[in-house]
Amino acid sequence: MRKFLPWIILAVVVLIGYTWFKGINNTAVTLNQDVEEAWGNVETTYQRRNDLIVNLVKTVQGAAEYEKGTLEAVIQARANATKTVIDPSNVTPEQLEKFTQNQSALSRLLVTVESYPSLQANQGFLKLQDELTSTENQILTARTRFNEAVKPYNSHIKTFPNSLFAGVFGFKEKPYFKSVAGAEKAPDVEFNFDKKEAK
């Protein structure tokens, strides 16, 4: 029995080590899946807004008084917002910042569209406006939940001794959603009246 004792001890150590490493890896995989699911929900809410904007654009195109330049800016901002594609398993702070900037630019333009006085009598527009407001709230919730999913993942891979092996397993820290620079200021809303209205 004594001659097998070192092998038994070695087997126990290997088993404990294997279980420990497996725990680090499997927990990180599970938390990473939570982050990817949360990111999918973020993309879904942004997609809902982009789909609504198509209807919004069609509605405001029918309003002859609406300034053409602003409408074109909304269309361009929507195109830019849908260009940025992010892989949640390999997201970088730079990618997330670019994504946030594009979406933020679209939000600021929508405030101008929604505040345009000539559209307020259009029932179709008002319904879309309500839908967009609801979607903005859903976007905020989805972004908050994404950050809530990122926190335990980052904590797991950055906590010692997990931090020693997380990189070996291919797990990297993920960035949080942050507000864009100047987001603390309320957007400026300008009312553009055409010559017809001025008369």
Foldseek 3Di string as FASTA:
>chain_A
DVVCVVVVVVVVVVVVVVVVVCVLLVVLVVLLVQLQVLVVLLVVLLVVLLVLVVVLLVLVVPQPFDDPVLSVQLVVLSVLLVPQDADSQDGDPVSLLSNQVSVVSNVLSVVQVLPAVSCPVPPSNVVSVVVNVVSVVSNVVSLVSSQVSLVVSQCSCVDPPNVVCCVVSPHDRHDHRDHHPPPVDDRDHDHDGDPVVVD
